[in-house]
Amino acid sequence: MTSEIPDKSSVVENLLHSIQEELASMVSLAEMARDEATNSETKAEGKYDTRATEASYLARGQAWRIAELRKMVAWLSGEVATSPLNEPLVQVGALVHIEGPQTQWVFVAPIGGKETEVNGQTIRVISTASPLGSAMVELEAGDAFEVDSPRGLQDYEIIDIR
């Protein structure tokens, strides 16, 4: 099965749209959680009533996620995400084709954990902090590397970097 090579600018555009939608949703949910945490009806009725505390933890977690999403939107909106790489090495901003337990495309970004589809290819977004990202950072096309996973050591090879 030969699919078309994904275009990096299309990957960035799809991710930006997806993250902006998630950000709008998270902002709405965070407002609801903040209201819940500060609502007079949430006030503790006894020493074992933790509704307000739980709501404040939820609001704090959502605030962290919103900050991450805003950072990603700013990065994807800038020229860095779509500009050509200075060197043909795996680095933040690289679209990388790897072969291992499965052949896949990954996009290295400041924050990972998303997927998008371009030209029939699923593109995973990873960060250099992820096991896969940290194992291949600064490598070139043709380099092989290993990743320690729950299923044991996994062997990969970098096929292409864009």
N, C-alpha and C. Protein backbone atom coordinates (compact mmCIF):
# COMPACT_ATOMS: atom_id res chain seq x y z
N MET A 1 0.84 -1.18 0.00
CA MET A 1 0.00 0.00 0.00
C MET A 1 0.89 1.24 0.00
N THR A 2 0.87 2.01 -1.06
CA THR A 2 1.65 3.22 -1.16
C THR A 2 0.70 4.41 -1.10
N SER A 3 0.85 5.22 -0.07
CA SER A 3 0.04 6.42 0.07
C SER A 3 0.89 7.62 -0.24
N GLU A 4 0.21 8.69 -0.54
CA GLU A 4 0.89 9.93 -0.86
C GLU A 4 1.63 10.45 0.38
N ILE A 5 2.77 11.07 0.16
CA ILE A 5 3.55 11.65 1.26
C ILE A 5 2.78 12.85 1.82
N PRO A 6 2.58 12.88 3.13
CA PRO A 6 1.84 14.01 3.70
C PRO A 6 2.61 15.32 3.57
N ASP A 7 1.89 16.38 3.32
CA ASP A 7 2.46 17.72 3.20
C ASP A 7 2.52 18.34 4.60
N LYS A 8 3.69 18.82 5.00
CA LYS A 8 3.88 19.36 6.34
C LYS A 8 2.94 20.53 6.63
N SER A 9 2.72 21.39 5.66
CA SER A 9 1.82 22.53 5.91
C SER A 9 0.39 22.06 6.14
N SER A 10 -0.03 20.99 5.48
CA SER A 10 -1.37 20.42 5.71
C SER A 10 -1.46 19.80 7.10
N VAL A 11 -0.39 19.17 7.54
CA VAL A 11 -0.35 18.61 8.89
C VAL A 11 -0.52 19.73 9.91
N VAL A 12 0.24 20.81 9.75
CA VAL A 12 0.16 21.94 10.67
C VAL A 12 -1.23 22.56 10.65
N GLU A 13 -1.79 22.75 9.46
CA GLU A 13 -3.13 23.35 9.32
C GLU A 13 -4.19 22.49 10.01
N ASN A 14 -4.16 21.18 9.79
CA ASN A 14 -5.13 20.27 10.42
C ASN A 14 -4.99 20.28 11.94
N LEU A 15 -3.75 20.24 12.41
CA LEU A 15 -3.52 20.26 13.86
C LEU A 15 -3.99 21.57 14.48
N LEU A 16 -3.69 22.67 13.83
CA LEU A 16 -4.09 23.97 14.35
C LEU A 16 -5.61 24.05 14.49
N HIS A 17 -6.32 23.60 13.48
CA HIS A 17 -7.79 23.60 13.53
C HIS A 17 -8.30 22.72 14.68
N SER A 18 -7.76 21.54 14.80
CA SER A 18 -8.17 20.60 15.84
C SER A 18 -7.88 21.15 17.23
N ILE A 19 -6.72 21.74 17.41
CA ILE A 19 -6.35 22.25 18.73
C ILE A 19 -7.16 23.49 19.09
N GLN A 20 -7.47 24.33 18.11
CA GLN A 20 -8.31 25.50 18.38
C GLN A 20 -9.70 25.06 18.83
N GLU A 21 -10.24 24.00 18.22
CA GLU A 21 -11.54 23.48 18.65
C GLU A 21 -11.47 22.94 20.08
N GLU A 22 -10.41 22.17 20.38
CA GLU A 22 -10.25 21.64 21.73
C GLU A 22 -10.08 22.77 22.74
N LEU A 23 -9.33 23.80 22.38
CA LEU A 23 -9.11 24.94 23.26
C LEU A 23 -10.43 25.63 23.60
N ALA A 24 -11.26 25.87 22.60
CA ALA A 24 -12.56 26.52 22.83
C ALA A 24 -13.41 25.68 23.79
N SER A 25 -13.40 24.39 23.59
CA SER A 25 -14.16 23.48 24.45
C SER A 25 -13.61 23.48 25.88
N MET A 26 -12.28 23.46 26.01
CA MET A 26 -11.65 23.44 27.33
C MET A 26 -11.92 24.74 28.09
N VAL A 27 -11.91 25.87 27.40
CA VAL A 27 -12.18 27.15 28.06
C VAL A 27 -13.59 27.14 28.63
N SER A 28 -14.54 26.62 27.87
CA SER A 28 -15.92 26.53 28.34
C SER A 28 -16.03 25.61 29.57
N LEU A 29 -15.38 24.45 29.49
CA LEU A 29 -15.41 23.51 30.62
C LEU A 29 -14.72 24.09 31.85
N ALA A 30 -13.64 24.81 31.65
CA ALA A 30 -12.91 25.41 32.77
C ALA A 30 -13.76 26.46 33.47
N GLU A 31 -14.51 27.22 32.70
CA GLU A 31 -15.40 28.22 33.30
C GLU A 31 -16.45 27.55 34.15
N MET A 32 -16.98 26.44 33.67
CA MET A 32 -17.98 25.69 34.44
C MET A 32 -17.36 25.14 35.73
N ALA A 33 -16.16 24.59 35.64
CA ALA A 33 -15.49 24.04 36.82
C ALA A 33 -15.16 25.15 37.82
N ARG A 34 -14.72 26.30 37.33
CA ARG A 34 -14.42 27.43 38.21
C ARG A 34 -15.69 27.89 38.93
N ASP A 35 -16.81 27.96 38.19
CA ASP A 35 -18.08 28.34 38.81
C ASP A 35 -18.48 27.32 39.88
N GLU A 36 -18.28 26.06 39.58
CA GLU A 36 -18.61 25.00 40.53
C GLU A 36 -17.75 25.11 41.79
N ALA A 37 -16.48 25.41 41.62
CA ALA A 37 -15.57 25.50 42.77
C ALA A 37 -15.88 26.69 43.67
N THR A 38 -16.42 27.76 43.09
CA THR A 38 -16.67 28.97 43.88
C THR A 38 -18.15 29.17 44.21
N ASN A 39 -19.01 28.29 43.78
CA ASN A 39 -20.44 28.40 44.01
C ASN A 39 -20.75 28.19 45.49
N SER A 40 -21.67 28.98 46.03
CA SER A 40 -22.03 28.84 47.44
C SER A 40 -22.69 27.49 47.73
N GLU A 41 -23.31 26.88 46.73
CA GLU A 41 -23.94 25.57 46.93
C GLU A 41 -22.90 24.45 47.06
N THR A 42 -21.68 24.72 46.65
CA THR A 42 -20.61 23.72 46.71
C THR A 42 -19.90 23.76 48.06
N LYS A 43 -20.20 24.77 48.86
CA LYS A 43 -19.56 24.92 50.15
C LYS A 43 -19.72 23.65 50.98
N ALA A 44 -18.65 23.28 51.66
CA ALA A 44 -18.65 22.04 52.44
C ALA A 44 -19.74 22.07 53.51
N GLU A 45 -20.48 20.98 53.59
CA GLU A 45 -21.54 20.84 54.60
C GLU A 45 -21.07 20.03 55.79
N GLY A 46 -19.87 19.52 55.70
CA GLY A 46 -19.30 18.73 56.79
C GLY A 46 -17.84 18.48 56.48
N LYS A 47 -17.14 17.87 57.43
CA LYS A 47 -15.71 17.69 57.22
C LYS A 47 -15.37 16.67 56.13
N TYR A 48 -16.33 15.84 55.74
CA TYR A 48 -16.08 14.84 54.69
C TYR A 48 -16.62 15.26 53.33
N ASP A 49 -17.18 16.45 53.25
CA ASP A 49 -17.71 16.97 51.99
C ASP A 49 -16.59 17.67 51.24
N THR A 50 -16.15 17.07 50.13
CA THR A 50 -14.99 17.60 49.39
C THR A 50 -15.35 18.10 48.00
N ARG A 51 -16.61 18.42 47.78
CA ARG A 51 -17.02 18.85 46.42
C ARG A 51 -16.25 20.08 45.94
N ALA A 52 -16.10 21.08 46.79
CA ALA A 52 -15.41 22.31 46.38
C ALA A 52 -13.93 22.03 46.10
N THR A 53 -13.32 21.19 46.93
CA THR A 53 -11.91 20.85 46.73
C THR A 53 -11.73 20.11 45.41
N GLU A 54 -12.60 19.14 45.16
CA GLU A 54 -12.52 18.37 43.91
C GLU A 54 -12.73 19.27 42.71
N ALA A 55 -13.68 20.18 42.80
CA ALA A 55 -13.94 21.11 41.69
C ALA A 55 -12.74 22.02 41.45
N SER A 56 -12.06 22.44 42.52
CA SER A 56 -10.89 23.30 42.35
C SER A 56 -9.74 22.53 41.71
N TYR A 57 -9.57 21.25 42.06
CA TYR A 57 -8.54 20.43 41.42
C TYR A 57 -8.83 20.29 39.93
N LEU A 58 -10.08 20.07 39.59
CA LEU A 58 -10.48 19.95 38.19
C LEU A 58 -10.20 21.25 37.44
N ALA A 59 -10.57 22.36 38.04
CA ALA A 59 -10.35 23.67 37.41
C ALA A 59 -8.86 23.92 37.20
N ARG A 60 -8.02 23.53 38.16
CA ARG A 60 -6.57 23.72 38.03
C ARG A 60 -6.01 22.86 36.89
N GLY A 61 -6.44 21.61 36.81
CA GLY A 61 -5.98 20.73 35.72
C GLY A 61 -6.39 21.27 34.36
N GLN A 62 -7.60 21.78 34.29
CA GLN A 62 -8.06 22.34 33.02
C GLN A 62 -7.28 23.60 32.66
N ALA A 63 -6.92 24.39 33.65
CA ALA A 63 -6.13 25.59 33.38
C ALA A 63 -4.75 25.23 32.81
N TRP A 64 -4.14 24.15 33.34
CA TRP A 64 -2.86 23.68 32.80
C TRP A 64 -3.02 23.24 31.35
N ARG A 65 -4.08 22.50 31.06
CA ARG A 65 -4.31 22.03 29.69
C ARG A 65 -4.55 23.20 28.74
N ILE A 66 -5.30 24.19 29.20
CA ILE A 66 -5.55 25.38 28.38
C ILE A 66 -4.23 26.09 28.07
N ALA A 67 -3.36 26.20 29.05
CA ALA A 67 -2.06 26.84 28.83
C ALA A 67 -1.24 26.07 27.80
N GLU A 68 -1.26 24.72 27.89
CA GLU A 68 -0.55 23.90 26.91
C GLU A 68 -1.11 24.10 25.51
N LEU A 69 -2.44 24.11 25.41
CA LEU A 69 -3.08 24.28 24.10
C LEU A 69 -2.78 25.65 23.51
N ARG A 70 -2.77 26.68 24.34
CA ARG A 70 -2.45 28.02 23.84
C ARG A 70 -1.01 28.08 23.35
N LYS A 71 -0.12 27.42 24.06
CA LYS A 71 1.28 27.37 23.63
C LYS A 71 1.39 26.68 22.27
N MET A 72 0.65 25.58 22.11
CA MET A 72 0.69 24.84 20.85
C MET A 72 0.09 25.65 19.70
N VAL A 73 -1.01 26.36 19.96
CA VAL A 73 -1.62 27.22 18.93
C VAL A 73 -0.63 28.30 18.50
N ALA A 74 0.04 28.91 19.47
CA ALA A 74 1.02 29.96 19.14
C ALA A 74 2.15 29.38 18.29
N TRP A 75 2.62 28.20 18.67
CA TRP A 75 3.72 27.58 17.92
C TRP A 75 3.28 27.20 16.51
N LEU A 76 2.10 26.59 16.39
CA LEU A 76 1.61 26.19 15.07
C LEU A 76 1.28 27.39 14.19
N SER A 77 0.91 28.50 14.80
CA SER A 77 0.57 29.70 14.04
C SER A 77 1.80 30.43 13.54
N GLY A 78 2.94 30.17 14.13
CA GLY A 78 4.18 30.83 13.74
C GLY A 78 4.80 30.15 12.53
N GLU A 79 5.86 30.72 12.05
CA GLU A 79 6.55 30.19 10.88
C GLU A 79 7.39 28.96 11.21
N VAL A 80 7.73 28.78 12.48
CA VAL A 80 8.61 27.68 12.88
C VAL A 80 8.06 26.33 12.49
N ALA A 81 6.77 26.13 12.66
CA ALA A 81 6.16 24.83 12.41
C ALA A 81 6.24 24.41 10.95
N THR A 82 6.11 25.35 10.02
CA THR A 82 6.08 24.98 8.60
C THR A 82 7.38 25.29 7.86
N SER A 83 8.30 25.98 8.51
CA SER A 83 9.54 26.33 7.81
C SER A 83 10.41 25.10 7.60
N PRO A 84 11.24 25.12 6.56
CA PRO A 84 12.14 23.99 6.33
C PRO A 84 13.12 23.85 7.49
N LEU A 85 13.55 22.64 7.74
CA LEU A 85 14.50 22.38 8.81
C LEU A 85 15.87 22.90 8.43
N ASN A 86 16.60 23.41 9.43
CA ASN A 86 17.97 23.89 9.18
C ASN A 86 18.88 22.73 8.81
N GLU A 87 18.68 21.61 9.47
CA GLU A 87 19.46 20.41 9.20
C GLU A 87 18.49 19.24 9.07
N PRO A 88 18.83 18.23 8.29
CA PRO A 88 17.92 17.09 8.12
C PRO A 88 17.99 16.13 9.31
N LEU A 89 17.79 16.69 10.51
CA LEU A 89 17.80 15.90 11.74
C LEU A 89 16.42 15.91 12.36
N VAL A 90 16.12 14.90 13.16
CA VAL A 90 14.87 14.90 13.90
C VAL A 90 14.98 15.97 14.97
N GLN A 91 14.06 16.92 14.94
CA GLN A 91 14.00 18.03 15.88
C GLN A 91 12.57 18.54 15.91
N VAL A 92 12.28 19.45 16.83
CA VAL A 92 10.94 20.03 16.90
C VAL A 92 10.65 20.69 15.55
N GLY A 93 9.50 20.36 14.98
CA GLY A 93 9.11 20.87 13.67
C GLY A 93 9.32 19.87 12.55
N ALA A 94 9.89 18.72 12.87
CA ALA A 94 10.16 17.72 11.83
C ALA A 94 8.96 16.79 11.64
N LEU A 95 8.70 16.47 10.39
CA LEU A 95 7.74 15.45 10.01
C LEU A 95 8.58 14.23 9.64
N VAL A 96 8.43 13.15 10.41
CA VAL A 96 9.35 12.02 10.30
C VAL A 96 8.60 10.75 9.93
N HIS A 97 9.14 10.04 8.94
CA HIS A 97 8.59 8.74 8.52
C HIS A 97 9.47 7.68 9.17
N ILE A 98 8.87 6.84 10.01
CA ILE A 98 9.64 5.80 10.69
C ILE A 98 9.05 4.43 10.40
N GLU A 99 9.93 3.45 10.46
CA GLU A 99 9.53 2.07 10.27
C GLU A 99 9.94 1.31 11.53
N GLY A 100 9.03 0.50 12.03
CA GLY A 100 9.29 -0.28 13.23
C GLY A 100 8.23 -1.35 13.32
N PRO A 101 7.67 -1.55 14.52
CA PRO A 101 6.56 -2.50 14.63
C PRO A 101 5.45 -2.16 13.63
N GLN A 102 5.36 -0.88 13.28
CA GLN A 102 4.48 -0.42 12.22
C GLN A 102 5.14 0.77 11.54
N THR A 103 4.84 0.96 10.27
CA THR A 103 5.36 2.13 9.55
C THR A 103 4.42 3.28 9.84
N GLN A 104 4.97 4.43 10.20
CA GLN A 104 4.13 5.56 10.57
C GLN A 104 4.84 6.89 10.34
N TRP A 105 4.03 7.94 10.29
CA TRP A 105 4.53 9.30 10.22
C TRP A 105 4.30 9.93 11.58
N VAL A 106 5.30 10.67 12.08
CA VAL A 106 5.15 11.41 13.33
C VAL A 106 5.58 12.85 13.10
N PHE A 107 4.92 13.76 13.77
CA PHE A 107 5.26 15.17 13.71
C PHE A 107 5.78 15.55 15.09
N VAL A 108 6.99 16.06 15.16
CA VAL A 108 7.61 16.40 16.44
C VAL A 108 7.24 17.84 16.77
N ALA A 109 6.58 18.03 17.92
CA ALA A 109 6.08 19.33 18.34
C ALA A 109 6.45 19.57 19.81
N PRO A 110 6.26 20.80 20.29
CA PRO A 110 6.56 21.06 21.70
C PRO A 110 5.69 20.24 22.65
N ILE A 111 4.48 19.93 22.23
CA ILE A 111 3.54 19.16 23.04
C ILE A 111 2.95 18.07 22.16
N GLY A 112 2.94 16.85 22.62
CA GLY A 112 2.42 15.74 21.83
C GLY A 112 1.04 15.31 22.28
N GLY A 113 0.65 14.14 21.80
CA GLY A 113 -0.61 13.56 22.24
C GLY A 113 -1.79 13.77 21.32
N LYS A 114 -1.57 14.19 20.11
CA LYS A 114 -2.67 14.37 19.15
C LYS A 114 -2.40 13.51 17.92
N GLU A 115 -3.40 13.42 17.08
CA GLU A 115 -3.28 12.76 15.77
C GLU A 115 -4.05 13.59 14.76
N THR A 116 -3.63 13.50 13.51
CA THR A 116 -4.37 14.11 12.42
C THR A 116 -4.20 13.23 11.20
N GLU A 117 -5.04 13.42 10.21
CA GLU A 117 -4.94 12.64 8.98
C GLU A 117 -4.73 13.57 7.79
N VAL A 118 -3.74 13.24 6.96
CA VAL A 118 -3.43 14.01 5.76
C VAL A 118 -3.11 13.02 4.65
N ASN A 119 -3.76 13.19 3.51
CA ASN A 119 -3.54 12.33 2.34
C ASN A 119 -3.64 10.84 2.67
N GLY A 120 -4.59 10.50 3.52
CA GLY A 120 -4.79 9.09 3.87
C GLY A 120 -3.79 8.55 4.88
N GLN A 121 -2.92 9.39 5.38
CA GLN A 121 -1.92 8.98 6.37
C GLN A 121 -2.31 9.54 7.74
N THR A 122 -2.25 8.70 8.75
CA THR A 122 -2.44 9.18 10.12
C THR A 122 -1.09 9.68 10.62
N ILE A 123 -1.08 10.91 11.11
CA ILE A 123 0.14 11.53 11.62
C ILE A 123 -0.01 11.65 13.14
N ARG A 124 0.89 11.01 13.87
CA ARG A 124 0.92 11.14 15.34
C ARG A 124 1.76 12.34 15.71
N VAL A 125 1.31 13.11 16.67
CA VAL A 125 2.08 14.25 17.17
C VAL A 125 2.75 13.81 18.46
N ILE A 126 4.08 13.92 18.48
CA ILE A 126 4.84 13.53 19.66
C ILE A 126 5.74 14.69 20.07
N SER A 127 6.19 14.68 21.30
CA SER A 127 7.15 15.68 21.76
C SER A 127 8.50 15.00 21.97
N THR A 128 9.52 15.80 22.13
CA THR A 128 10.84 15.23 22.38
C THR A 128 10.93 14.66 23.80
N ALA A 129 9.93 14.90 24.62
CA ALA A 129 9.89 14.32 25.97
C ALA A 129 9.30 12.91 25.96
N SER A 130 8.64 12.52 24.88
CA SER A 130 8.06 11.18 24.79
C SER A 130 9.19 10.16 24.58
N PRO A 131 8.95 8.90 24.93
CA PRO A 131 9.99 7.89 24.71
C PRO A 131 10.44 7.82 23.25
N LEU A 132 9.49 7.84 22.32
CA LEU A 132 9.82 7.78 20.90
C LEU A 132 10.58 9.03 20.46
N GLY A 133 10.08 10.20 20.86
CA GLY A 133 10.71 11.45 20.49
C GLY A 133 12.12 11.59 21.03
N SER A 134 12.31 11.25 22.31
CA SER A 134 13.64 11.40 22.89
C SER A 134 14.64 10.41 22.30
N ALA A 135 14.16 9.24 21.87
CA ALA A 135 15.05 8.24 21.28
C ALA A 135 15.54 8.65 19.89
N MET A 136 14.76 9.44 19.17
CA MET A 136 15.17 9.74 17.80
C MET A 136 15.62 11.19 17.58
N VAL A 137 15.59 12.03 18.62
CA VAL A 137 16.01 13.41 18.44
C VAL A 137 17.47 13.46 18.00
N GLU A 138 17.75 14.33 17.04
CA GLU A 138 19.07 14.55 16.47
C GLU A 138 19.56 13.43 15.54
N LEU A 139 18.70 12.44 15.24
CA LEU A 139 19.09 11.39 14.30
C LEU A 139 18.77 11.83 12.88
N GLU A 140 19.36 11.12 11.89
CA GLU A 140 19.17 11.43 10.47
C GLU A 140 18.41 10.29 9.80
N ALA A 141 17.95 10.54 8.57
CA ALA A 141 17.32 9.49 7.77
C ALA A 141 18.32 8.35 7.60
N GLY A 142 17.84 7.13 7.77
CA GLY A 142 18.69 5.95 7.66
C GLY A 142 19.18 5.45 9.00
N ASP A 143 19.09 6.28 10.05
CA ASP A 143 19.53 5.87 11.39
C ASP A 143 18.51 4.92 12.02
N ALA A 144 19.02 3.95 12.76
CA ALA A 144 18.17 3.02 13.51
C ALA A 144 18.25 3.39 14.99
N PHE A 145 17.19 3.09 15.73
CA PHE A 145 17.17 3.37 17.16
C PHE A 145 16.21 2.42 17.85
N GLU A 146 16.30 2.35 19.18
CA GLU A 146 15.44 1.49 19.98
C GLU A 146 14.64 2.33 20.96
N VAL A 147 13.44 1.83 21.27
CA VAL A 147 12.60 2.48 22.27
C VAL A 147 12.15 1.41 23.25
N ASP A 148 12.34 1.68 24.53
CA ASP A 148 11.88 0.76 25.57
C ASP A 148 10.39 1.01 25.78
N SER A 149 9.59 -0.02 25.55
CA SER A 149 8.14 0.12 25.68
C SER A 149 7.62 -0.97 26.63
N PRO A 150 6.36 -0.91 26.99
CA PRO A 150 5.79 -1.95 27.84
C PRO A 150 5.91 -3.35 27.22
N ARG A 151 6.03 -3.41 25.89
CA ARG A 151 6.18 -4.70 25.21
C ARG A 151 7.64 -5.08 25.00
N GLY A 152 8.55 -4.36 25.64
CA GLY A 152 9.99 -4.62 25.50
C GLY A 152 10.62 -3.63 24.53
N LEU A 153 11.86 -3.89 24.16
CA LEU A 153 12.56 -3.01 23.24
C LEU A 153 11.96 -3.11 21.84
N GLN A 154 11.69 -1.96 21.24
CA GLN A 154 11.14 -1.89 19.89
C GLN A 154 12.21 -1.24 19.00
N ASP A 155 12.49 -1.87 17.86
CA ASP A 155 13.47 -1.34 16.91
C ASP A 155 12.77 -0.50 15.85
N TYR A 156 13.37 0.66 15.54
CA TYR A 156 12.83 1.57 14.53
C TYR A 156 13.95 2.01 13.60
N GLU A 157 13.55 2.50 12.43
CA GLU A 157 14.48 3.12 11.50
C GLU A 157 13.82 4.37 10.93
N ILE A 158 14.60 5.43 10.80
CA ILE A 158 14.08 6.67 10.22
C ILE A 158 14.20 6.57 8.71
N ILE A 159 13.07 6.66 8.03
CA ILE A 159 13.02 6.54 6.57
C ILE A 159 13.19 7.90 5.90
N ASP A 160 12.51 8.91 6.44
CA ASP A 160 12.51 10.24 5.81
C ASP A 160 12.25 11.30 6.87
N ILE A 161 12.81 12.47 6.66
CA ILE A 161 12.58 13.63 7.55
C ILE A 161 12.24 14.82 6.66
N ARG A 162 11.16 15.51 6.98
CA ARG A 162 10.74 16.68 6.21
C ARG A 162 10.57 17.88 7.12
